[in-house]
Amino acid sequence: MAREPAPTRSLVNVGPDPGDPGPGGDPAGQGHYAGAHALPVVPLEATGATAAPARRRPGRGAVGWLVAHRDPIAKVAAVAVFLAVWQVSGAFLNPLFVSTPSKVISALGSLIGNGQLPTAFLRSLAEMIGGLAVAAVLGIGTGLSGWPKRPSSRSSPSATPRRRSPCCR
């Protein structure tokens, strides 16, 4: 017959809990002992049990490393396959429309080497900001003008499908 260890008081729940009304519903917590609701802390040696042996991680070696790192490996492999397909596609596609990654990297190296990259970057950035500004002015102006609701737009041939749909009547 196993000997039951003496219950010990938990050091975590010592004393009354001010927010707990207690067993009698007393909101002040009078007569409530938090240790009665806490699980006893029993040392492992008192139970006669021993600690479980450390488990070996499955799959040690190269296979275990591959299994443990399969997500990053899959991401790198996907990028490598994409770059390989892109490089091979440059062999039979018109170079005017598709450039290969090797040509892109060599052009980047030459732009960095001769100092043209900052100038080219700022020129592209200025064109992008200019296009965004034109689109914003036209889009906001068209939206505020109420253009689709004007009578002249209802009689145009491009407005005919809109008149027949229930959402634009």
N, C-alpha and C. Protein backbone atom coordinates (compact mmCIF):
# COMPACT_ATOMS: atom_id res chain seq x y z
N MET A 1 0.85 -1.17 0.00
CA MET A 1 0.00 0.00 0.00
C MET A 1 0.89 1.23 0.00
N ALA A 2 0.59 2.15 -0.90
CA ALA A 2 1.42 3.34 -1.04
C ALA A 2 1.11 4.34 0.07
N ARG A 3 2.15 4.96 0.53
CA ARG A 3 2.01 5.96 1.58
C ARG A 3 1.64 7.29 0.93
N GLU A 4 0.59 7.94 1.43
CA GLU A 4 0.18 9.24 0.89
C GLU A 4 1.05 10.32 1.49
N PRO A 5 1.56 11.20 0.66
CA PRO A 5 2.38 12.28 1.20
C PRO A 5 1.51 13.31 1.90
N ALA A 6 2.13 13.99 2.81
CA ALA A 6 1.42 15.04 3.54
C ALA A 6 1.20 16.21 2.59
N PRO A 7 -0.03 16.75 2.53
CA PRO A 7 -0.27 17.88 1.64
C PRO A 7 0.50 19.10 2.11
N THR A 8 1.03 19.82 1.18
CA THR A 8 1.74 21.06 1.51
C THR A 8 0.98 22.23 0.93
N ARG A 9 1.14 23.37 1.54
CA ARG A 9 0.45 24.57 1.09
C ARG A 9 1.17 25.17 -0.09
N SER A 10 0.43 25.60 -1.07
CA SER A 10 1.04 26.22 -2.24
C SER A 10 1.50 27.62 -1.89
N LEU A 11 2.68 27.97 -2.35
CA LEU A 11 3.19 29.31 -2.09
C LEU A 11 2.59 30.33 -3.04
N VAL A 12 1.90 29.86 -4.06
CA VAL A 12 1.31 30.77 -5.04
C VAL A 12 0.02 31.38 -4.50
N ASN A 13 -0.82 30.57 -3.86
CA ASN A 13 -2.14 31.03 -3.42
C ASN A 13 -2.21 31.15 -1.90
N VAL A 14 -1.32 31.87 -1.30
CA VAL A 14 -1.35 32.04 0.14
C VAL A 14 -2.16 33.29 0.46
N GLY A 15 -3.11 33.16 1.35
CA GLY A 15 -3.89 34.31 1.80
C GLY A 15 -5.17 34.48 0.99
N PRO A 16 -6.04 35.36 1.46
CA PRO A 16 -7.32 35.55 0.79
C PRO A 16 -7.16 36.32 -0.52
N ASP A 17 -8.03 36.02 -1.46
CA ASP A 17 -8.06 36.72 -2.74
C ASP A 17 -9.10 37.82 -2.63
N PRO A 18 -8.73 39.10 -2.77
CA PRO A 18 -9.71 40.17 -2.58
C PRO A 18 -10.82 40.17 -3.62
N GLY A 19 -10.59 39.64 -4.80
CA GLY A 19 -11.63 39.65 -5.82
C GLY A 19 -12.56 38.46 -5.73
N ASP A 20 -12.22 37.43 -4.93
CA ASP A 20 -13.03 36.22 -4.85
C ASP A 20 -14.01 36.36 -3.70
N PRO A 21 -15.32 36.16 -3.94
CA PRO A 21 -16.28 36.32 -2.84
C PRO A 21 -16.16 35.23 -1.79
N GLY A 22 -15.46 34.17 -2.05
CA GLY A 22 -15.29 33.13 -1.05
C GLY A 22 -16.41 32.11 -1.10
N PRO A 23 -16.33 31.07 -0.26
CA PRO A 23 -17.33 30.00 -0.32
C PRO A 23 -18.71 30.44 0.13
N GLY A 24 -18.80 31.44 1.00
CA GLY A 24 -20.10 31.88 1.47
C GLY A 24 -20.67 33.02 0.65
N GLY A 25 -19.99 33.44 -0.39
CA GLY A 25 -20.46 34.54 -1.19
C GLY A 25 -20.15 35.88 -0.57
N ASP A 26 -19.27 35.90 0.39
CA ASP A 26 -18.92 37.13 1.08
C ASP A 26 -18.04 37.97 0.16
N PRO A 27 -18.51 39.14 -0.30
CA PRO A 27 -17.70 39.94 -1.22
C PRO A 27 -16.43 40.45 -0.59
N ALA A 28 -16.36 40.58 0.70
CA ALA A 28 -15.15 41.08 1.34
C ALA A 28 -14.11 39.98 1.46
N GLY A 29 -14.48 38.73 1.21
CA GLY A 29 -13.54 37.63 1.27
C GLY A 29 -13.25 37.19 2.69
N GLN A 30 -14.11 37.48 3.64
CA GLN A 30 -13.89 37.09 5.01
C GLN A 30 -14.09 35.58 5.14
N GLY A 31 -13.24 34.95 5.88
CA GLY A 31 -13.39 33.53 6.13
C GLY A 31 -12.96 32.68 4.94
N HIS A 32 -12.33 33.26 3.96
CA HIS A 32 -11.94 32.50 2.77
C HIS A 32 -10.46 32.19 2.84
N TYR A 33 -10.10 30.96 2.61
CA TYR A 33 -8.71 30.55 2.61
C TYR A 33 -8.38 30.04 1.21
N ALA A 34 -7.54 30.79 0.48
CA ALA A 34 -7.24 30.45 -0.91
C ALA A 34 -6.49 29.13 -1.00
N GLY A 35 -5.78 28.77 0.04
CA GLY A 35 -5.03 27.53 0.00
C GLY A 35 -5.93 26.31 -0.07
N ALA A 36 -7.18 26.43 0.37
CA ALA A 36 -8.10 25.29 0.33
C ALA A 36 -8.48 24.96 -1.11
N HIS A 37 -8.43 25.95 -2.01
CA HIS A 37 -8.79 25.72 -3.40
C HIS A 37 -7.58 25.41 -4.26
N ALA A 38 -6.39 25.60 -3.75
CA ALA A 38 -5.18 25.39 -4.53
C ALA A 38 -4.79 23.92 -4.49
N LEU A 39 -4.16 23.47 -5.54
CA LEU A 39 -3.65 22.10 -5.56
C LEU A 39 -2.42 22.03 -4.67
N PRO A 40 -2.27 20.92 -3.93
CA PRO A 40 -1.10 20.82 -3.07
C PRO A 40 0.17 20.63 -3.89
N VAL A 41 1.26 21.19 -3.39
CA VAL A 41 2.55 21.02 -4.02
C VAL A 41 3.24 19.86 -3.33
N VAL A 42 3.48 18.81 -4.09
CA VAL A 42 4.08 17.60 -3.53
C VAL A 42 5.44 17.41 -4.19
N PRO A 43 6.50 17.34 -3.41
CA PRO A 43 7.81 17.11 -4.01
C PRO A 43 7.85 15.76 -4.71
N LEU A 44 8.61 15.66 -5.76
CA LEU A 44 8.68 14.44 -6.55
C LEU A 44 9.26 13.29 -5.75
N GLU A 45 10.21 13.59 -4.88
CA GLU A 45 10.83 12.53 -4.10
C GLU A 45 9.83 11.92 -3.10
N ALA A 46 8.85 12.69 -2.63
CA ALA A 46 7.90 12.20 -1.64
C ALA A 46 6.96 11.15 -2.23
N THR A 47 6.74 11.20 -3.54
CA THR A 47 5.84 10.23 -4.15
C THR A 47 6.53 8.93 -4.48
N GLY A 48 7.86 8.92 -4.43
CA GLY A 48 8.59 7.70 -4.75
C GLY A 48 8.81 7.54 -6.25
N ALA A 49 8.32 8.49 -7.04
CA ALA A 49 8.49 8.41 -8.49
C ALA A 49 9.82 9.03 -8.88
N THR A 50 10.29 8.63 -10.00
CA THR A 50 11.51 9.22 -10.53
C THR A 50 11.17 10.01 -11.78
N ALA A 51 12.05 10.90 -12.13
CA ALA A 51 11.82 11.71 -13.31
C ALA A 51 11.86 10.83 -14.55
N ALA A 52 11.05 11.18 -15.51
CA ALA A 52 11.01 10.41 -16.76
C ALA A 52 12.33 10.57 -17.48
N PRO A 53 12.80 9.51 -18.12
CA PRO A 53 14.07 9.63 -18.84
C PRO A 53 13.92 10.60 -20.01
N ALA A 54 14.98 11.30 -20.32
CA ALA A 54 14.94 12.26 -21.42
C ALA A 54 14.70 11.53 -22.73
N ARG A 55 13.79 12.05 -23.52
CA ARG A 55 13.47 11.42 -24.81
C ARG A 55 14.47 11.89 -25.86
N ARG A 56 14.84 10.97 -26.68
CA ARG A 56 15.68 11.35 -27.82
C ARG A 56 14.80 11.94 -28.89
N ARG A 57 15.29 12.97 -29.52
CA ARG A 57 14.54 13.55 -30.62
C ARG A 57 14.60 12.59 -31.80
N PRO A 58 13.45 12.35 -32.43
CA PRO A 58 13.47 11.41 -33.55
C PRO A 58 14.21 12.00 -34.74
N GLY A 59 14.84 11.14 -35.48
CA GLY A 59 15.45 11.54 -36.74
C GLY A 59 16.71 12.36 -36.58
N ARG A 60 17.66 11.87 -35.83
CA ARG A 60 18.92 12.59 -35.72
C ARG A 60 19.72 12.37 -37.00
N GLY A 61 20.63 13.26 -37.25
CA GLY A 61 21.46 13.15 -38.44
C GLY A 61 20.90 14.00 -39.56
N ALA A 62 21.29 13.66 -40.78
CA ALA A 62 20.91 14.46 -41.94
C ALA A 62 19.41 14.44 -42.19
N VAL A 63 18.80 13.28 -42.03
CA VAL A 63 17.35 13.18 -42.27
C VAL A 63 16.59 13.98 -41.23
N GLY A 64 17.00 13.91 -39.99
CA GLY A 64 16.35 14.70 -38.94
C GLY A 64 16.49 16.19 -39.17
N TRP A 65 17.67 16.61 -39.65
CA TRP A 65 17.87 18.02 -39.95
C TRP A 65 16.97 18.45 -41.09
N LEU A 66 16.85 17.62 -42.11
CA LEU A 66 15.99 17.96 -43.25
C LEU A 66 14.52 18.05 -42.82
N VAL A 67 14.09 17.13 -41.97
CA VAL A 67 12.70 17.16 -41.50
C VAL A 67 12.45 18.39 -40.65
N ALA A 68 13.40 18.73 -39.80
CA ALA A 68 13.23 19.88 -38.91
C ALA A 68 13.24 21.20 -39.68
N HIS A 69 13.91 21.24 -40.82
CA HIS A 69 14.05 22.48 -41.59
C HIS A 69 13.33 22.41 -42.93
N ARG A 70 12.27 21.64 -43.02
CA ARG A 70 11.63 21.46 -44.32
C ARG A 70 10.95 22.73 -44.84
N ASP A 71 10.42 23.59 -43.98
CA ASP A 71 9.78 24.81 -44.46
C ASP A 71 10.78 25.79 -45.09
N PRO A 72 11.88 26.12 -44.41
CA PRO A 72 12.84 27.02 -45.07
C PRO A 72 13.45 26.40 -46.33
N ILE A 73 13.68 25.09 -46.30
CA ILE A 73 14.24 24.43 -47.48
C ILE A 73 13.26 24.52 -48.64
N ALA A 74 11.98 24.33 -48.37
CA ALA A 74 10.97 24.42 -49.43
C ALA A 74 10.90 25.83 -50.00
N LYS A 75 11.04 26.84 -49.16
CA LYS A 75 11.00 28.23 -49.65
C LYS A 75 12.20 28.53 -50.55
N VAL A 76 13.38 28.09 -50.13
CA VAL A 76 14.58 28.32 -50.94
C VAL A 76 14.48 27.54 -52.24
N ALA A 77 13.97 26.31 -52.18
CA ALA A 77 13.83 25.50 -53.39
C ALA A 77 12.83 26.13 -54.35
N ALA A 78 11.75 26.71 -53.85
CA ALA A 78 10.77 27.35 -54.72
C ALA A 78 11.38 28.55 -55.44
N VAL A 79 12.18 29.34 -54.74
CA VAL A 79 12.83 30.48 -55.38
C VAL A 79 13.84 29.99 -56.41
N ALA A 80 14.59 28.93 -56.09
CA ALA A 80 15.58 28.40 -57.03
C ALA A 80 14.90 27.86 -58.29
N VAL A 81 13.78 27.16 -58.14
CA VAL A 81 13.06 26.64 -59.31
C VAL A 81 12.52 27.80 -60.15
N PHE A 82 11.98 28.83 -59.50
CA PHE A 82 11.48 29.99 -60.24
C PHE A 82 12.59 30.64 -61.05
N LEU A 83 13.75 30.86 -60.43
CA LEU A 83 14.87 31.48 -61.13
C LEU A 83 15.38 30.60 -62.27
N ALA A 84 15.39 29.28 -62.07
CA ALA A 84 15.83 28.37 -63.13
C ALA A 84 14.88 28.40 -64.32
N VAL A 85 13.58 28.40 -64.05
CA VAL A 85 12.60 28.45 -65.15
C VAL A 85 12.70 29.79 -65.87
N TRP A 86 12.90 30.85 -65.14
CA TRP A 86 13.05 32.18 -65.74
C TRP A 86 14.29 32.23 -66.63
N GLN A 87 15.40 31.65 -66.15
CA GLN A 87 16.64 31.64 -66.92
C GLN A 87 16.47 30.82 -68.20
N VAL A 88 15.84 29.67 -68.10
CA VAL A 88 15.64 28.81 -69.28
C VAL A 88 14.68 29.46 -70.26
N SER A 89 13.67 30.16 -69.75
CA SER A 89 12.69 30.78 -70.65
C SER A 89 13.33 31.86 -71.51
N GLY A 90 14.42 32.46 -71.05
CA GLY A 90 15.11 33.47 -71.84
C GLY A 90 15.74 32.91 -73.09
N ALA A 91 15.93 31.60 -73.16
CA ALA A 91 16.56 30.99 -74.32
C ALA A 91 15.63 30.98 -75.54
N PHE A 92 14.34 30.88 -75.33
CA PHE A 92 13.43 30.79 -76.47
C PHE A 92 12.41 31.92 -76.55
N LEU A 93 12.45 32.88 -75.62
CA LEU A 93 11.57 34.04 -75.69
C LEU A 93 12.34 35.26 -76.19
N ASN A 94 11.62 36.20 -76.75
CA ASN A 94 12.22 37.41 -77.29
C ASN A 94 12.86 38.22 -76.16
N PRO A 95 14.15 38.56 -76.27
CA PRO A 95 14.80 39.34 -75.20
C PRO A 95 14.24 40.75 -75.05
N LEU A 96 13.49 41.20 -76.03
CA LEU A 96 12.84 42.50 -75.90
C LEU A 96 11.77 42.48 -74.81
N PHE A 97 11.13 41.31 -74.62
CA PHE A 97 10.03 41.18 -73.65
C PHE A 97 10.47 40.54 -72.34
N VAL A 98 11.42 39.58 -72.41
CA VAL A 98 11.83 38.86 -71.21
C VAL A 98 13.35 38.86 -71.14
N SER A 99 13.87 39.30 -70.02
CA SER A 99 15.30 39.24 -69.78
C SER A 99 15.57 38.11 -68.78
N THR A 100 16.77 37.60 -68.78
CA THR A 100 17.10 36.50 -67.87
C THR A 100 17.66 37.06 -66.57
N PRO A 101 17.60 36.28 -65.49
CA PRO A 101 18.15 36.75 -64.22
C PRO A 101 19.65 37.07 -64.30
N SER A 102 20.39 36.31 -65.09
CA SER A 102 21.83 36.58 -65.19
C SER A 102 22.08 37.93 -65.84
N LYS A 103 21.28 38.29 -66.85
CA LYS A 103 21.44 39.60 -67.49
C LYS A 103 21.01 40.72 -66.54
N VAL A 104 19.97 40.48 -65.76
CA VAL A 104 19.51 41.49 -64.80
C VAL A 104 20.58 41.75 -63.74
N ILE A 105 21.19 40.68 -63.24
CA ILE A 105 22.22 40.84 -62.20
C ILE A 105 23.45 41.54 -62.77
N SER A 106 23.83 41.19 -64.00
CA SER A 106 25.00 41.85 -64.59
C SER A 106 24.72 43.33 -64.86
N ALA A 107 23.50 43.66 -65.31
CA ALA A 107 23.14 45.06 -65.53
C ALA A 107 23.11 45.82 -64.21
N LEU A 108 22.61 45.18 -63.15
CA LEU A 108 22.60 45.83 -61.84
C LEU A 108 24.02 46.11 -61.36
N GLY A 109 24.91 45.15 -61.58
CA GLY A 109 26.30 45.35 -61.19
C GLY A 109 26.95 46.50 -61.95
N SER A 110 26.65 46.60 -63.25
CA SER A 110 27.24 47.70 -64.03
C SER A 110 26.65 49.05 -63.63
N LEU A 111 25.34 49.09 -63.31
CA LEU A 111 24.73 50.35 -62.86
C LEU A 111 25.29 50.81 -61.52
N ILE A 112 25.53 49.85 -60.63
CA ILE A 112 26.12 50.21 -59.34
C ILE A 112 27.56 50.64 -59.53
N GLY A 113 28.27 49.93 -60.40
CA GLY A 113 29.69 50.21 -60.61
C GLY A 113 29.96 51.57 -61.23
N ASN A 114 29.13 52.01 -62.19
CA ASN A 114 29.41 53.29 -62.84
C ASN A 114 28.63 54.45 -62.23
N GLY A 115 27.86 54.21 -61.17
CA GLY A 115 27.19 55.29 -60.45
C GLY A 115 25.88 55.77 -61.06
N GLN A 116 25.32 55.03 -62.01
CA GLN A 116 24.07 55.45 -62.65
C GLN A 116 22.83 54.99 -61.88
N LEU A 117 22.98 54.08 -60.94
CA LEU A 117 21.81 53.54 -60.25
C LEU A 117 21.01 54.60 -59.49
N PRO A 118 21.63 55.48 -58.70
CA PRO A 118 20.81 56.48 -58.00
C PRO A 118 20.06 57.40 -58.95
N THR A 119 20.68 57.79 -60.05
CA THR A 119 20.01 58.65 -61.02
C THR A 119 18.83 57.95 -61.66
N ALA A 120 19.03 56.69 -62.06
CA ALA A 120 17.95 55.92 -62.69
C ALA A 120 16.82 55.66 -61.69
N PHE A 121 17.18 55.39 -60.44
CA PHE A 121 16.16 55.15 -59.41
C PHE A 121 15.33 56.41 -59.18
N LEU A 122 15.98 57.56 -59.06
CA LEU A 122 15.24 58.80 -58.81
C LEU A 122 14.37 59.18 -60.00
N ARG A 123 14.84 58.92 -61.22
CA ARG A 123 14.03 59.20 -62.40
C ARG A 123 12.77 58.32 -62.41
N SER A 124 12.93 57.03 -62.10
CA SER A 124 11.77 56.13 -62.04
C SER A 124 10.82 56.53 -60.92
N LEU A 125 11.36 56.93 -59.79
CA LEU A 125 10.52 57.35 -58.67
C LEU A 125 9.73 58.60 -59.02
N ALA A 126 10.35 59.55 -59.73
CA ALA A 126 9.65 60.77 -60.13
C ALA A 126 8.52 60.46 -61.10
N GLU A 127 8.75 59.54 -62.04
CA GLU A 127 7.69 59.14 -62.97
C GLU A 127 6.55 58.46 -62.24
N MET A 128 6.87 57.62 -61.27
CA MET A 128 5.83 56.92 -60.52
C MET A 128 4.99 57.91 -59.70
N ILE A 129 5.63 58.85 -59.06
CA ILE A 129 4.90 59.85 -58.25
C ILE A 129 4.05 60.73 -59.16
N GLY A 130 4.59 61.10 -60.34
CA GLY A 130 3.80 61.90 -61.28
C GLY A 130 2.57 61.15 -61.77
N GLY A 131 2.73 59.87 -62.09
CA GLY A 131 1.57 59.08 -62.51
C GLY A 131 0.54 58.92 -61.41
N LEU A 132 1.00 58.74 -60.19
CA LEU A 132 0.08 58.64 -59.06
C LEU A 132 -0.69 59.94 -58.85
N ALA A 133 0.00 61.07 -59.01
CA ALA A 133 -0.67 62.37 -58.83
C ALA A 133 -1.73 62.59 -59.91
N VAL A 134 -1.40 62.28 -61.17
CA VAL A 134 -2.39 62.44 -62.25
C VAL A 134 -3.59 61.52 -62.01
N ALA A 135 -3.34 60.27 -61.65
CA ALA A 135 -4.44 59.34 -61.40
C ALA A 135 -5.30 59.79 -60.22
N ALA A 136 -4.67 60.31 -59.18
CA ALA A 136 -5.44 60.77 -58.02
C ALA A 136 -6.31 61.97 -58.38
N VAL A 137 -5.76 62.92 -59.11
CA VAL A 137 -6.55 64.11 -59.49
C VAL A 137 -7.72 63.70 -60.38
N LEU A 138 -7.46 62.86 -61.39
CA LEU A 138 -8.55 62.44 -62.28
C LEU A 138 -9.58 61.58 -61.55
N GLY A 139 -9.11 60.67 -60.73
CA GLY A 139 -10.04 59.78 -60.02
C GLY A 139 -10.89 60.51 -59.00
N ILE A 140 -10.27 61.35 -58.21
CA ILE A 140 -11.02 62.09 -57.19
C ILE A 140 -11.95 63.10 -57.87
N GLY A 141 -11.45 63.76 -58.91
CA GLY A 141 -12.31 64.72 -59.62
C GLY A 141 -13.52 64.06 -60.26
N THR A 142 -13.30 62.89 -60.87
CA THR A 142 -14.42 62.16 -61.48
C THR A 142 -15.40 61.69 -60.42
N GLY A 143 -14.88 61.22 -59.30
CA GLY A 143 -15.77 60.75 -58.24
C GLY A 143 -16.59 61.86 -57.62
N LEU A 144 -15.99 63.02 -57.44
CA LEU A 144 -16.72 64.14 -56.83
C LEU A 144 -17.69 64.81 -57.81
N SER A 145 -17.44 64.67 -59.10
CA SER A 145 -18.30 65.34 -60.07
C SER A 145 -19.64 64.62 -60.24
N GLY A 146 -19.71 63.38 -59.84
CA GLY A 146 -20.95 62.63 -60.03
C GLY A 146 -21.16 62.25 -61.48
N TRP A 147 -20.09 62.02 -62.21
CA TRP A 147 -20.13 61.79 -63.65
C TRP A 147 -21.09 60.69 -64.09
N PRO A 148 -21.18 59.54 -63.46
CA PRO A 148 -22.09 58.51 -64.00
C PRO A 148 -23.56 58.89 -63.90
N LYS A 149 -23.94 59.88 -63.09
CA LYS A 149 -25.35 60.20 -62.90
C LYS A 149 -25.83 61.32 -63.81
N ARG A 150 -24.96 61.91 -64.62
CA ARG A 150 -25.36 63.00 -65.50
C ARG A 150 -26.17 62.44 -66.68
N PRO A 151 -27.13 63.19 -67.20
CA PRO A 151 -27.97 62.69 -68.30
C PRO A 151 -27.18 62.38 -69.57
N SER A 152 -26.14 63.13 -69.87
CA SER A 152 -25.39 62.88 -71.10
C SER A 152 -24.69 61.53 -71.06
N SER A 153 -24.29 61.08 -69.89
CA SER A 153 -23.62 59.79 -69.81
C SER A 153 -24.61 58.64 -69.91
N ARG A 154 -25.88 58.89 -69.61
CA ARG A 154 -26.87 57.82 -69.73
C ARG A 154 -27.24 57.53 -71.18
N SER A 155 -27.01 58.48 -72.05
CA SER A 155 -27.40 58.26 -73.44
C SER A 155 -26.24 57.73 -74.28
N SER A 156 -25.04 57.66 -73.73
CA SER A 156 -23.92 57.16 -74.52
C SER A 156 -24.02 55.64 -74.66
N PRO A 157 -23.46 55.09 -75.74
CA PRO A 157 -23.54 53.64 -75.94
C PRO A 157 -22.81 52.85 -74.85
N SER A 158 -21.77 53.41 -74.25
CA SER A 158 -21.07 52.66 -73.20
C SER A 158 -21.88 52.59 -71.92
N ALA A 159 -22.89 53.46 -71.79
CA ALA A 159 -23.71 53.45 -70.57
C ALA A 159 -24.91 52.53 -70.70
N THR A 160 -25.17 51.97 -71.86
CA THR A 160 -26.34 51.13 -72.06
C THR A 160 -26.33 49.90 -71.14
N PRO A 161 -25.24 49.17 -71.02
CA PRO A 161 -25.26 48.02 -70.09
C PRO A 161 -25.48 48.45 -68.64
N ARG A 162 -25.01 49.64 -68.28
CA ARG A 162 -25.22 50.11 -66.90
C ARG A 162 -26.68 50.42 -66.64
N ARG A 163 -27.38 50.95 -67.64
CA ARG A 163 -28.79 51.28 -67.43
C ARG A 163 -29.62 50.03 -67.20
N ARG A 164 -29.24 48.93 -67.81
CA ARG A 164 -30.03 47.70 -67.70
C ARG A 164 -29.72 46.91 -66.44
N SER A 165 -28.61 47.21 -65.77
CA SER A 165 -28.31 46.48 -64.55
C SER A 165 -29.04 47.13 -63.36
N PRO A 166 -29.49 46.31 -62.41
CA PRO A 166 -30.29 46.84 -61.30
C PRO A 166 -29.47 47.70 -60.33
N CYS A 167 -28.14 47.61 -60.37
CA CYS A 167 -27.35 48.35 -59.39
C CYS A 167 -27.17 49.81 -59.76
N CYS A 168 -27.38 50.20 -61.02
CA CYS A 168 -27.06 51.57 -61.46
C CYS A 168 -28.28 52.34 -61.93
N ARG A 169 -29.45 52.01 -61.53
CA ARG A 169 -30.64 52.72 -62.00
C ARG A 169 -30.86 53.97 -61.24
